[in-house]
Amino acid sequence: MSATDLLPFPDLPPFEDKPPALVEAFWSFHESNPQVYGLIDRFTRQAIAAGRERFGMKAVFERIRWYTTVETQGETFKLNNNYTSFYARLWMHRNPTMPQVFALRKSVADDGAAT
């Protein structure tokens, strides 16, 4: 199975040439936990509105962890730090007209070209 076969929606980045098990695990988590992307979008937009020109997805993850364990009641979930690079790229892919606040480094979530 290729990474492209694991792509649930055609408008999302395929993360080709990545370890298939990690790509599959990411998409499985993403599909099972759509609220995570919603929080990533919300908190990233807050950072941009606050004037942040650069921000880290790991900071967004920590904000989500705080929000879901301290500020709200209900279901909690674990965020795998291996997914930060995937979510940064996914957010940037889905928001091409927004400021690109995430500085990307070469990772298993990209096609080998670091930006």
PDB file of N, CA and C in Angstrom:
ATOM      1  N   MET A   1       0.847  -1.178   0.000  1.00  0.00           N
ATOM      2  CA  MET A   1       0.000   0.000   0.000  1.00  0.00           C
ATOM      3  C   MET A   1       0.889   1.236   0.000  1.00  0.00           C
ATOM      4  N   SER A   2       0.598   2.170  -0.888  1.00  0.00           N
ATOM      5  CA  SER A   2       1.392   3.400  -0.939  1.00  0.00           C
ATOM      6  C   SER A   2       0.762   4.460  -0.061  1.00  0.00           C
ATOM      7  N   ALA A   3       1.534   5.504   0.231  1.00  0.00           N
ATOM      8  CA  ALA A   3       1.015   6.612   1.029  1.00  0.00           C
ATOM      9  C   ALA A   3      -0.182   7.250   0.341  1.00  0.00           C
ATOM     10  N   THR A   4      -0.169   7.298  -0.990  1.00  0.00           N
ATOM     11  CA  THR A   4      -1.281   7.879  -1.728  1.00  0.00           C
ATOM     12  C   THR A   4      -2.551   7.069  -1.515  1.00  0.00           C
ATOM     13  N   ASP A   5      -2.428   5.751  -1.400  1.00  0.00           N
ATOM     14  CA  ASP A   5      -3.597   4.906  -1.145  1.00  0.00           C
ATOM     15  C   ASP A   5      -4.228   5.221   0.206  1.00  0.00           C
ATOM     16  N   LEU A   6      -3.437   5.788   1.117  1.00  0.00           N
ATOM     17  CA  LEU A   6      -3.929   6.098   2.447  1.00  0.00           C
ATOM     18  C   LEU A   6      -4.584   7.465   2.517  1.00  0.00           C
ATOM     19  N   LEU A   7      -4.548   8.209   1.436  1.00  0.00           N
ATOM     20  CA  LEU A   7      -5.077   9.566   1.415  1.00  0.00           C
ATOM     21  C   LEU A   7      -6.603   9.531   1.469  1.00  0.00           C
ATOM     22  N   PRO A   8      -7.202  10.056   2.560  1.00  0.00           N
ATOM     23  CA  PRO A   8      -8.648   9.974   2.668  1.00  0.00           C
ATOM     24  C   PRO A   8      -9.403  10.986   1.809  1.00  0.00           C
ATOM     25  N   PHE A   9      -8.780  12.096   1.480  1.00  0.00           N
ATOM     26  CA  PHE A   9      -9.431  13.133   0.696  1.00  0.00           C
ATOM     27  C   PHE A   9      -8.442  13.652  -0.333  1.00  0.00           C
ATOM     28  N   PRO A  10      -8.877  13.839  -1.581  1.00  0.00           N
ATOM     29  CA  PRO A  10      -7.937  14.214  -2.632  1.00  0.00           C
ATOM     30  C   PRO A  10      -7.324  15.607  -2.488  1.00  0.00           C
ATOM     31  N   ASP A  11      -7.918  16.490  -1.678  1.00  0.00           N
ATOM     32  CA  ASP A  11      -7.371  17.835  -1.548  1.00  0.00           C
ATOM     33  C   ASP A  11      -6.313  17.947  -0.455  1.00  0.00           C
ATOM     34  N   LEU A  12      -5.983  16.849   0.184  1.00  0.00           N
ATOM     35  CA  LEU A  12      -5.007  16.870   1.268  1.00  0.00           C
ATOM     36  C   LEU A  12      -3.658  16.363   0.783  1.00  0.00           C
ATOM     37  N   PRO A  13      -2.597  16.818   1.421  1.00  0.00           N
ATOM     38  CA  PRO A  13      -1.268  16.361   0.989  1.00  0.00           C
ATOM     39  C   PRO A  13      -1.099  14.866   1.241  1.00  0.00           C
ATOM     40  N   PRO A  14      -0.490  14.134   0.299  1.00  0.00           N
ATOM     41  CA  PRO A  14      -0.379  12.684   0.444  1.00  0.00           C
ATOM     42  C   PRO A  14       0.778  12.231   1.324  1.00  0.00           C
ATOM     43  N   PHE A  15       1.743  13.108   1.611  1.00  0.00           N
ATOM     44  CA  PHE A  15       2.922  12.720   2.388  1.00  0.00           C
ATOM     45  C   PHE A  15       3.586  11.500   1.751  1.00  0.00           C
ATOM     46  N   GLU A  16       3.803  11.595   0.434  1.00  0.00           N
ATOM     47  CA  GLU A  16       4.394  10.483  -0.293  1.00  0.00           C
ATOM     48  C   GLU A  16       5.823  10.225   0.157  1.00  0.00           C
ATOM     49  N   ASP A  17       6.271   9.025  -0.071  1.00  0.00           N
ATOM     50  CA  ASP A  17       7.619   8.575   0.257  1.00  0.00           C
ATOM     51  C   ASP A  17       7.912   8.652   1.747  1.00  0.00           C
ATOM     52  N   LYS A  18       6.891   8.493   2.562  1.00  0.00           N
ATOM     53  CA  LYS A  18       7.052   8.486   4.002  1.00  0.00           C
ATOM     54  C   LYS A  18       6.843   7.068   4.506  1.00  0.00           C
ATOM     55  N   PRO A  19       7.270   6.803   5.715  1.00  0.00           N
ATOM     56  CA  PRO A  19       7.009   5.460   6.255  1.00  0.00           C
ATOM     57  C   PRO A  19       5.507   5.180   6.259  1.00  0.00           C
ATOM     58  N   PRO A  20       5.056   4.212   5.490  1.00  0.00           N
ATOM     59  CA  PRO A  20       3.617   3.965   5.370  1.00  0.00           C
ATOM     60  C   PRO A  20       2.912   3.764   6.706  1.00  0.00           C
ATOM     61  N   ALA A  21       3.572   3.130   7.650  1.00  0.00           N
ATOM     62  CA  ALA A  21       2.921   2.896   8.947  1.00  0.00           C
ATOM     63  C   ALA A  21       2.637   4.207   9.667  1.00  0.00           C
ATOM     64  N   LEU A  22       3.564   5.167   9.587  1.00  0.00           N
ATOM     65  CA  LEU A  22       3.356   6.462  10.248  1.00  0.00           C
ATOM     66  C   LEU A  22       2.284   7.273   9.530  1.00  0.00           C
ATOM     67  N   VAL A  23       2.302   7.254   8.200  1.00  0.00           N
ATOM     68  CA  VAL A  23       1.280   7.959   7.427  1.00  0.00           C
ATOM     69  C   VAL A  23      -0.092   7.370   7.740  1.00  0.00           C
ATOM     70  N   GLU A  24      -0.176   6.060   7.748  1.00  0.00           N
ATOM     71  CA  GLU A  24      -1.449   5.403   8.045  1.00  0.00           C
ATOM     72  C   GLU A  24      -1.918   5.743   9.450  1.00  0.00           C
ATOM     73  N   ALA A  25      -1.002   5.721  10.410  1.00  0.00           N
ATOM     74  CA  ALA A  25      -1.371   6.044  11.792  1.00  0.00           C
ATOM     75  C   ALA A  25      -1.860   7.488  11.899  1.00  0.00           C
ATOM     76  N   PHE A  26      -1.180   8.413  11.208  1.00  0.00           N
ATOM     77  CA  PHE A  26      -1.607   9.809  11.238  1.00  0.00           C
ATOM     78  C   PHE A  26      -3.014   9.964  10.667  1.00  0.00           C
ATOM     79  N   TRP A  27      -3.242   9.438   9.452  1.00  0.00           N
ATOM     80  CA  TRP A  27      -4.566   9.601   8.836  1.00  0.00           C
ATOM     81  C   TRP A  27      -5.649   8.924   9.660  1.00  0.00           C
ATOM     82  N   SER A  28      -5.344   7.800  10.246  1.00  0.00           N
ATOM     83  CA  SER A  28      -6.319   7.114  11.091  1.00  0.00           C
ATOM     84  C   SER A  28      -6.680   7.991  12.292  1.00  0.00           C
ATOM     85  N   PHE A  29      -5.660   8.552  12.940  1.00  0.00           N
ATOM     86  CA  PHE A  29      -5.916   9.442  14.073  1.00  0.00           C
ATOM     87  C   PHE A  29      -6.709  10.663  13.619  1.00  0.00           C
ATOM     88  N   HIS A  30      -6.293  11.260  12.519  1.00  0.00           N
ATOM     89  CA  HIS A  30      -6.944  12.460  12.002  1.00  0.00           C
ATOM     90  C   HIS A  30      -8.423  12.211  11.707  1.00  0.00           C
ATOM     91  N   GLU A  31      -8.722  11.097  11.057  1.00  0.00           N
ATOM     92  CA  GLU A  31     -10.111  10.762  10.730  1.00  0.00           C
ATOM     93  C   GLU A  31     -10.936  10.454  11.978  1.00  0.00           C
ATOM     94  N   SER A  32     -10.311   9.839  12.976  1.00  0.00           N
ATOM     95  CA  SER A  32     -11.021   9.463  14.204  1.00  0.00           C
ATOM     96  C   SER A  32     -11.186  10.630  15.171  1.00  0.00           C
ATOM     97  N   ASN A  33     -10.404  11.685  14.990  1.00  0.00           N
ATOM     98  CA  ASN A  33     -10.391  12.806  15.921  1.00  0.00           C
ATOM     99  C   ASN A  33     -10.454  14.144  15.183  1.00  0.00           C
ATOM    100  N   PRO A  34     -11.540  14.412  14.455  1.00  0.00           N
ATOM    101  CA  PRO A  34     -11.610  15.651  13.684  1.00  0.00           C
ATOM    102  C   PRO A  34     -11.545  16.904  14.551  1.00  0.00           C
ATOM    103  N   GLN A  35     -11.891  16.787  15.830  1.00  0.00           N
ATOM    104  CA  GLN A  35     -11.833  17.933  16.719  1.00  0.00           C
ATOM    105  C   GLN A  35     -10.403  18.436  16.906  1.00  0.00           C
ATOM    106  N   VAL A  36      -9.421  17.573  16.714  1.00  0.00           N
ATOM    107  CA  VAL A  36      -8.027  17.990  16.862  1.00  0.00           C
ATOM    108  C   VAL A  36      -7.689  19.034  15.806  1.00  0.00           C
ATOM    109  N   TYR A  37      -8.026  18.770  14.556  1.00  0.00           N
ATOM    110  CA  TYR A  37      -7.726  19.755  13.517  1.00  0.00           C
ATOM    111  C   TYR A  37      -8.495  21.049  13.770  1.00  0.00           C
ATOM    112  N   GLY A  38      -9.721  20.940  14.247  1.00  0.00           N
ATOM    113  CA  GLY A  38     -10.491  22.142  14.574  1.00  0.00           C
ATOM    114  C   GLY A  38      -9.795  22.995  15.619  1.00  0.00           C
ATOM    115  N   LEU A  39      -9.239  22.357  16.639  1.00  0.00           N
ATOM    116  CA  LEU A  39      -8.502  23.097  17.666  1.00  0.00           C
ATOM    117  C   LEU A  39      -7.190  23.654  17.122  1.00  0.00           C
ATOM    118  N   ILE A  40      -6.515  22.886  16.275  1.00  0.00           N
ATOM    119  CA  ILE A  40      -5.290  23.387  15.650  1.00  0.00           C
ATOM    120  C   ILE A  40      -5.601  24.644  14.856  1.00  0.00           C
ATOM    121  N   ASP A  41      -6.652  24.603  14.078  1.00  0.00           N
ATOM    122  CA  ASP A  41      -7.037  25.764  13.282  1.00  0.00           C
ATOM    123  C   ASP A  41      -7.373  26.947  14.186  1.00  0.00           C
ATOM    124  N   ARG A  42      -8.165  26.697  15.193  1.00  0.00           N
ATOM    125  CA  ARG A  42      -8.573  27.764  16.126  1.00  0.00           C
ATOM    126  C   ARG A  42      -7.373  28.420  16.803  1.00  0.00           C
ATOM    127  N   PHE A  43      -6.489  27.610  17.375  1.00  0.00           N
ATOM    128  CA  PHE A  43      -5.369  28.163  18.132  1.00  0.00           C
ATOM    129  C   PHE A  43      -4.303  28.773  17.222  1.00  0.00           C
ATOM    130  N   THR A  44      -4.145  28.239  16.019  1.00  0.00           N
ATOM    131  CA  THR A  44      -3.206  28.841  15.064  1.00  0.00           C
ATOM    132  C   THR A  44      -3.702  30.213  14.644  1.00  0.00           C
ATOM    133  N   ARG A  45      -4.984  30.309  14.367  1.00  0.00           N
ATOM    134  CA  ARG A  45      -5.559  31.608  13.993  1.00  0.00           C
ATOM    135  C   ARG A  45      -5.454  32.607  15.137  1.00  0.00           C
ATOM    136  N   GLN A  46      -5.587  32.142  16.377  1.00  0.00           N
ATOM    137  CA  GLN A  46      -5.409  33.028  17.530  1.00  0.00           C
ATOM    138  C   GLN A  46      -3.983  33.562  17.586  1.00  0.00           C
ATOM    139  N   ALA A  47      -3.014  32.697  17.312  1.00  0.00           N
ATOM    140  CA  ALA A  47      -1.612  33.120  17.323  1.00  0.00           C
ATOM    141  C   ALA A  47      -1.363  34.166  16.240  1.00  0.00           C
ATOM    142  N   ILE A  48      -1.926  33.955  15.070  1.00  0.00           N
ATOM    143  CA  ILE A  48      -1.775  34.912  13.971  1.00  0.00           C
ATOM    144  C   ILE A  48      -2.440  36.233  14.337  1.00  0.00           C
ATOM    145  N   ALA A  49      -3.652  36.167  14.906  1.00  0.00           N
ATOM    146  CA  ALA A  49      -4.369  37.382  15.301  1.00  0.00           C
ATOM    147  C   ALA A  49      -3.613  38.148  16.382  1.00  0.00           C
ATOM    148  N   ALA A  50      -2.836  37.443  17.191  1.00  0.00           N
ATOM    149  CA  ALA A  50      -2.041  38.074  18.238  1.00  0.00           C
ATOM    150  C   ALA A  50      -0.743  38.666  17.689  1.00  0.00           C
ATOM    151  N   GLY A  51      -0.534  38.543  16.386  1.00  0.00           N
ATOM    152  CA  GLY A  51       0.634  39.136  15.756  1.00  0.00           C
ATOM    153  C   GLY A  51       1.837  38.227  15.627  1.00  0.00           C
ATOM    154  N   ARG A  52       1.664  36.952  15.919  1.00  0.00           N
ATOM    155  CA  ARG A  52       2.783  36.017  15.798  1.00  0.00           C
ATOM    156  C   ARG A  52       3.094  35.771  14.332  1.00  0.00           C
ATOM    157  N   GLU A  53       4.345  35.998  13.949  1.00  0.00           N
ATOM    158  CA  GLU A  53       4.765  35.720  12.577  1.00  0.00           C
ATOM    159  C   GLU A  53       5.301  34.303  12.440  1.00  0.00           C
ATOM    160  N   ARG A  54       5.800  33.746  13.513  1.00  0.00           N
ATOM    161  CA  ARG A  54       6.277  32.358  13.552  1.00  0.00           C
ATOM    162  C   ARG A  54       5.725  31.724  14.810  1.00  0.00           C
ATOM    163  N   PHE A  55       5.351  30.484  14.673  1.00  0.00           N
ATOM    164  CA  PHE A  55       4.790  29.763  15.807  1.00  0.00           C
ATOM    165  C   PHE A  55       5.079  28.295  15.606  1.00  0.00           C
ATOM    166  N   GLY A  56       5.136  27.529  16.665  1.00  0.00           N
ATOM    167  CA  GLY A  56       5.442  26.111  16.566  1.00  0.00           C
ATOM    168  C   GLY A  56       4.213  25.239  16.744  1.00  0.00           C
ATOM    169  N   MET A  57       4.105  24.221  15.934  1.00  0.00           N
ATOM    170  CA  MET A  57       2.993  23.291  16.076  1.00  0.00           C
ATOM    171  C   MET A  57       3.063  22.578  17.421  1.00  0.00           C
ATOM    172  N   LYS A  58       4.257  22.382  17.954  1.00  0.00           N
ATOM    173  CA  LYS A  58       4.338  21.746  19.273  1.00  0.00           C
ATOM    174  C   LYS A  58       3.706  22.639  20.334  1.00  0.00           C
ATOM    175  N   ALA A  59       3.831  23.962  20.185  1.00  0.00           N
ATOM    176  CA  ALA A  59       3.151  24.874  21.107  1.00  0.00           C
ATOM    177  C   ALA A  59       1.639  24.750  20.965  1.00  0.00           C
ATOM    178  N   VAL A  60       1.167  24.602  19.741  1.00  0.00           N
ATOM    179  CA  VAL A  60      -0.264  24.410  19.502  1.00  0.00           C
ATOM    180  C   VAL A  60      -0.713  23.104  20.152  1.00  0.00           C
ATOM    181  N   PHE A  61       0.069  22.041  20.006  1.00  0.00           N
ATOM    182  CA  PHE A  61      -0.264  20.765  20.640  1.00  0.00           C
ATOM    183  C   PHE A  61      -0.371  20.928  22.153  1.00  0.00           C
ATOM    184  N   GLU A  62       0.590  21.655  22.743  1.00  0.00           N
ATOM    185  CA  GLU A  62       0.558  21.854  24.199  1.00  0.00           C
ATOM    186  C   GLU A  62      -0.661  22.683  24.597  1.00  0.00           C
ATOM    187  N   ARG A  63      -1.034  23.650  23.778  1.00  0.00           N
ATOM    188  CA  ARG A  63      -2.238  24.444  24.043  1.00  0.00           C
ATOM    189  C   ARG A  63      -3.473  23.554  23.984  1.00  0.00           C
ATOM    190  N   ILE A  64      -3.519  22.640  23.029  1.00  0.00           N
ATOM    191  CA  ILE A  64      -4.641  21.696  22.932  1.00  0.00           C
ATOM    192  C   ILE A  64      -4.681  20.809  24.173  1.00  0.00           C
ATOM    193  N   ARG A  65      -3.526  20.329  24.583  1.00  0.00           N
ATOM    194  CA  ARG A  65      -3.474  19.478  25.778  1.00  0.00           C
ATOM    195  C   ARG A  65      -3.993  20.236  27.000  1.00  0.00           C
ATOM    196  N   TRP A  66      -3.572  21.482  27.150  1.00  0.00           N
ATOM    197  CA  TRP A  66      -4.040  22.301  28.269  1.00  0.00           C
ATOM    198  C   TRP A  66      -5.557  22.496  28.166  1.00  0.00           C
ATOM    199  N   TYR A  67      -6.008  22.882  27.001  1.00  0.00           N
ATOM    200  CA  TYR A  67      -7.424  23.167  26.792  1.00  0.00           C
ATOM    201  C   TYR A  67      -8.293  21.953  27.105  1.00  0.00           C
ATOM    202  N   THR A  68      -7.888  20.781  26.620  1.00  0.00           N
ATOM    203  CA  THR A  68      -8.728  19.602  26.781  1.00  0.00           C
ATOM    204  C   THR A  68      -8.636  18.981  28.173  1.00  0.00           C
ATOM    205  N   THR A  69      -7.591  19.304  28.925  1.00  0.00           N
ATOM    206  CA  THR A  69      -7.475  18.709  30.259  1.00  0.00           C
ATOM    207  C   THR A  69      -7.799  19.688  31.384  1.00  0.00           C
ATOM    208  N   VAL A  70      -7.688  20.985  31.133  1.00  0.00           N
ATOM    209  CA  VAL A  70      -7.884  21.967  32.191  1.00  0.00           C
ATOM    210  C   VAL A  70      -9.111  22.847  31.956  1.00  0.00           C
ATOM    211  N   GLU A  71      -9.278  23.340  30.743  1.00  0.00           N
ATOM    212  CA  GLU A  71     -10.324  24.324  30.475  1.00  0.00           C
ATOM    213  C   GLU A  71     -11.680  23.731  30.137  1.00  0.00           C
ATOM    214  N   THR A  72     -11.728  22.489  29.726  1.00  0.00           N
ATOM    215  CA  THR A  72     -12.996  21.894  29.304  1.00  0.00           C
ATOM    216  C   THR A  72     -13.256  20.587  30.035  1.00  0.00           C
ATOM    217  N   GLN A  73     -14.467  20.152  29.990  1.00  0.00           N
ATOM    218  CA  GLN A  73     -14.877  18.861  30.545  1.00  0.00           C
ATOM    219  C   GLN A  73     -15.222  17.946  29.378  1.00  0.00           C
ATOM    220  N   GLY A  74     -15.052  16.671  29.564  1.00  0.00           N
ATOM    221  CA  GLY A  74     -15.459  15.736  28.524  1.00  0.00           C
ATOM    222  C   GLY A  74     -14.317  14.861  28.073  1.00  0.00           C
ATOM    223  N   GLU A  75     -14.452  14.406  26.834  1.00  0.00           N
ATOM    224  CA  GLU A  75     -13.505  13.451  26.273  1.00  0.00           C
ATOM    225  C   GLU A  75     -12.101  14.029  26.168  1.00  0.00           C
ATOM    226  N   THR A  76     -11.131  13.248  26.574  1.00  0.00           N
ATOM    227  CA  THR A  76      -9.736  13.606  26.376  1.00  0.00           C
ATOM    228  C   THR A  76      -9.130  12.607  25.411  1.00  0.00           C
ATOM    229  N   PHE A  77      -8.059  12.987  24.793  1.00  0.00           N
ATOM    230  CA  PHE A  77      -7.382  12.112  23.843  1.00  0.00           C
ATOM    231  C   PHE A  77      -5.898  12.398  23.930  1.00  0.00           C
ATOM    232  N   LYS A  78      -5.109  11.463  23.496  1.00  0.00           N
ATOM    233  CA  LYS A  78      -3.660  11.633  23.507  1.00  0.00           C
ATOM    234  C   LYS A  78      -3.210  12.136  22.153  1.00  0.00           C
ATOM    235  N   LEU A  79      -2.307  13.119  22.167  1.00  0.00           N
ATOM    236  CA  LEU A  79      -1.719  13.639  20.932  1.00  0.00           C
ATOM    237  C   LEU A  79      -0.311  13.090  20.800  1.00  0.00           C
ATOM    238  N   ASN A  80      -0.048  12.426  19.719  1.00  0.00           N
ATOM    239  CA  ASN A  80       1.275  11.871  19.450  1.00  0.00           C
ATOM    240  C   ASN A  80       2.150  12.965  18.846  1.00  0.00           C
ATOM    241  N   ASN A  81       3.270  13.277  19.479  1.00  0.00           N
ATOM    242  CA  ASN A  81       4.162  14.315  18.962  1.00  0.00           C
ATOM    243  C   ASN A  81       4.674  13.998  17.564  1.00  0.00           C
ATOM    244  N   ASN A  82       4.619  12.736  17.148  1.00  0.00           N
ATOM    245  CA  ASN A  82       5.031  12.382  15.787  1.00  0.00           C
ATOM    246  C   ASN A  82       4.115  13.017  14.738  1.00  0.00           C
ATOM    247  N   TYR A  83       2.947  13.481  15.148  1.00  0.00           N
ATOM    248  CA  TYR A  83       1.992  14.048  14.202  1.00  0.00           C
ATOM    249  C   TYR A  83       2.129  15.559  14.030  1.00  0.00           C
ATOM    250  N   THR A  84       2.994  16.219  14.803  1.00  0.00           N
ATOM    251  CA  THR A  84       3.080  17.678  14.697  1.00  0.00           C
ATOM    252  C   THR A  84       3.478  18.119  13.296  1.00  0.00           C
ATOM    253  N   SER A  85       4.434  17.456  12.691  1.00  0.00           N
ATOM    254  CA  SER A  85       4.871  17.866  11.356  1.00  0.00           C
ATOM    255  C   SER A  85       3.783  17.638  10.315  1.00  0.00           C
ATOM    256  N   PHE A  86       3.007  16.573  10.478  1.00  0.00           N
ATOM    257  CA  PHE A  86       1.897  16.313   9.563  1.00  0.00           C
ATOM    258  C   PHE A  86       0.837  17.401   9.688  1.00  0.00           C
ATOM    259  N   TYR A  87       0.484  17.746  10.931  1.00  0.00           N
ATOM    260  CA  TYR A  87      -0.551  18.764  11.129  1.00  0.00           C
ATOM    261  C   TYR A  87      -0.085  20.148  10.684  1.00  0.00           C
ATOM    262  N   ALA A  88       1.174  20.483  10.881  1.00  0.00           N
ATOM    263  CA  ALA A  88       1.675  21.779  10.395  1.00  0.00           C
ATOM    264  C   ALA A  88       1.532  21.862   8.888  1.00  0.00           C
ATOM    265  N   ARG A  89       1.921  20.821   8.196  1.00  0.00           N
ATOM    266  CA  ARG A  89       1.835  20.811   6.738  1.00  0.00           C
ATOM    267  C   ARG A  89       0.381  20.778   6.267  1.00  0.00           C
ATOM    268  N   LEU A  90      -0.451  20.035   6.970  1.00  0.00           N
ATOM    269  CA  LEU A  90      -1.861  19.977   6.620  1.00  0.00           C
ATOM    270  C   LEU A  90      -2.515  21.345   6.788  1.00  0.00           C
ATOM    271  N   TRP A  91      -2.224  22.034   7.899  1.00  0.00           N
ATOM    272  CA  TRP A  91      -2.809  23.357   8.117  1.00  0.00           C
ATOM    273  C   TRP A  91      -2.359  24.329   7.030  1.00  0.00           C
ATOM    274  N   MET A  92      -1.079  24.305   6.711  1.00  0.00           N
ATOM    275  CA  MET A  92      -0.563  25.207   5.678  1.00  0.00           C
ATOM    276  C   MET A  92      -1.163  24.869   4.311  1.00  0.00           C
ATOM    277  N   HIS A  93      -1.354  23.597   4.044  1.00  0.00           N
ATOM    278  CA  HIS A  93      -1.957  23.164   2.779  1.00  0.00           C
ATOM    279  C   HIS A  93      -3.397  23.657   2.667  1.00  0.00           C
ATOM    280  N   ARG A  94      -4.131  23.577   3.762  1.00  0.00           N
ATOM    281  CA  ARG A  94      -5.540  23.973   3.749  1.00  0.00           C
ATOM    282  C   ARG A  94      -5.736  25.495   3.846  1.00  0.00           C
ATOM    283  N   ASN A  95      -4.704  26.226   4.211  1.00  0.00           N
ATOM    284  CA  ASN A  95      -4.813  27.667   4.430  1.00  0.00           C
ATOM    285  C   ASN A  95      -3.744  28.426   3.652  1.00  0.00           C
ATOM    286  N   PRO A  96      -3.707  28.273   2.337  1.00  0.00           N
ATOM    287  CA  PRO A  96      -2.617  28.879   1.559  1.00  0.00           C
ATOM    288  C   PRO A  96      -2.621  30.412   1.556  1.00  0.00           C
ATOM    289  N   THR A  97      -3.746  31.038   1.872  1.00  0.00           N
ATOM    290  CA  THR A  97      -3.793  32.502   1.877  1.00  0.00           C
ATOM    291  C   THR A  97      -3.501  33.090   3.255  1.00  0.00           C
ATOM    292  N   MET A  98      -3.381  32.239   4.257  1.00  0.00           N
ATOM    293  CA  MET A  98      -3.060  32.710   5.612  1.00  0.00           C
ATOM    294  C   MET A  98      -1.547  32.845   5.754  1.00  0.00           C
ATOM    295  N   PRO A  99      -1.095  33.668   6.695  1.00  0.00           N
ATOM    296  CA  PRO A  99       0.355  33.723   6.956  1.00  0.00           C
ATOM    297  C   PRO A  99       0.867  32.332   7.320  1.00  0.00           C
ATOM    298  N   GLN A 100       1.980  31.986   6.772  1.00  0.00           N
ATOM    299  CA  GLN A 100       2.551  30.661   7.009  1.00  0.00           C
ATOM    300  C   GLN A 100       3.450  30.727   8.240  1.00  0.00           C
ATOM    301  N   VAL A 101       2.846  30.569   9.395  1.00  0.00           N
ATOM    302  CA  VAL A 101       3.529  30.770  10.665  1.00  0.00           C
ATOM    303  C   VAL A 101       4.434  29.612  11.073  1.00  0.00           C
ATOM    304  N   PHE A 102       4.252  28.464  10.464  1.00  0.00           N
ATOM    305  CA  PHE A 102       5.050  27.311  10.865  1.00  0.00           C
ATOM    306  C   PHE A 102       6.318  27.229  10.037  1.00  0.00           C
ATOM    307  N   ALA A 103       7.459  27.271  10.708  1.00  0.00           N
ATOM    308  CA  ALA A 103       8.742  27.064  10.041  1.00  0.00           C
ATOM    309  C   ALA A 103       8.930  25.558   9.927  1.00  0.00           C
ATOM    310  N   LEU A 104       9.016  25.081   8.712  1.00  0.00           N
ATOM    311  CA  LEU A 104       9.110  23.648   8.486  1.00  0.00           C
ATOM    312  C   LEU A 104      10.562  23.216   8.363  1.00  0.00           C
ATOM    313  N   ARG A 105      10.842  22.106   8.967  1.00  0.00           N
ATOM    314  CA  ARG A 105      12.151  21.478   8.827  1.00  0.00           C
ATOM    315  C   ARG A 105      11.920  20.140   8.146  1.00  0.00           C
ATOM    316  N   LYS A 106      12.962  19.617   7.566  1.00  0.00           N
ATOM    317  CA  LYS A 106      12.839  18.311   6.920  1.00  0.00           C
ATOM    318  C   LYS A 106      12.332  17.301   7.933  1.00  0.00           C
ATOM    319  N   SER A 107      11.320  16.557   7.530  1.00  0.00           N
ATOM    320  CA  SER A 107      10.753  15.562   8.424  1.00  0.00           C
ATOM    321  C   SER A 107      10.173  14.430   7.603  1.00  0.00           C
ATOM    322  N   VAL A 108       9.679  13.431   8.306  1.00  0.00           N
ATOM    323  CA  VAL A 108       9.042  12.319   7.618  1.00  0.00           C
ATOM    324  C   VAL A 108       7.721  12.731   6.992  1.00  0.00           C
ATOM    325  N   ALA A 109       7.210  13.929   7.304  1.00  0.00           N
ATOM    326  CA  ALA A 109       5.926  14.368   6.771  1.00  0.00           C
ATOM    327  C   ALA A 109       6.050  15.164   5.483  1.00  0.00           C
ATOM    328  N   ASP A 110       7.259  15.395   5.006  1.00  0.00           N
ATOM    329  CA  ASP A 110       7.352  16.143   3.760  1.00  0.00           C
ATOM    330  C   ASP A 110       8.049  15.317   2.692  1.00  0.00           C
ATOM    331  N   ASP A 111       8.149  15.895   1.515  1.00  0.00           N
ATOM    332  CA  ASP A 111       8.657  15.138   0.376  1.00  0.00           C
ATOM    333  C   ASP A 111      10.180  15.223   0.246  1.00  0.00           C
ATOM    334  N   GLY A 112      10.832  15.599   1.313  1.00  0.00           N
ATOM    335  CA  GLY A 112      12.276  15.689   1.295  1.00  0.00           C
ATOM    336  C   GLY A 112      12.791  17.092   1.120  1.00  0.00           C
ATOM    337  N   ALA A 113      11.909  18.036   0.820  1.00  0.00           N
ATOM    338  CA  ALA A 113      12.317  19.438   0.638  1.00  0.00           C
ATOM    339  C   ALA A 113      11.961  20.210   1.885  1.00  0.00           C
ATOM    340  N   ALA A 114      12.941  20.648   2.611  1.00  0.00           N
ATOM    341  CA  ALA A 114      12.689  21.452   3.804  1.00  0.00           C
ATOM    342  C   ALA A 114      12.485  22.900   3.398  1.00  0.00           C
ATOM    343  N   THR A 115      11.596  23.576   4.120  1.00  0.00           N
ATOM    344  CA  THR A 115      11.364  25.000   3.873  1.00  0.00           C
ATOM    345  C   THR A 115      11.588  25.777   5.139  1.00  0.00           C
TER     346      THR A 115
END
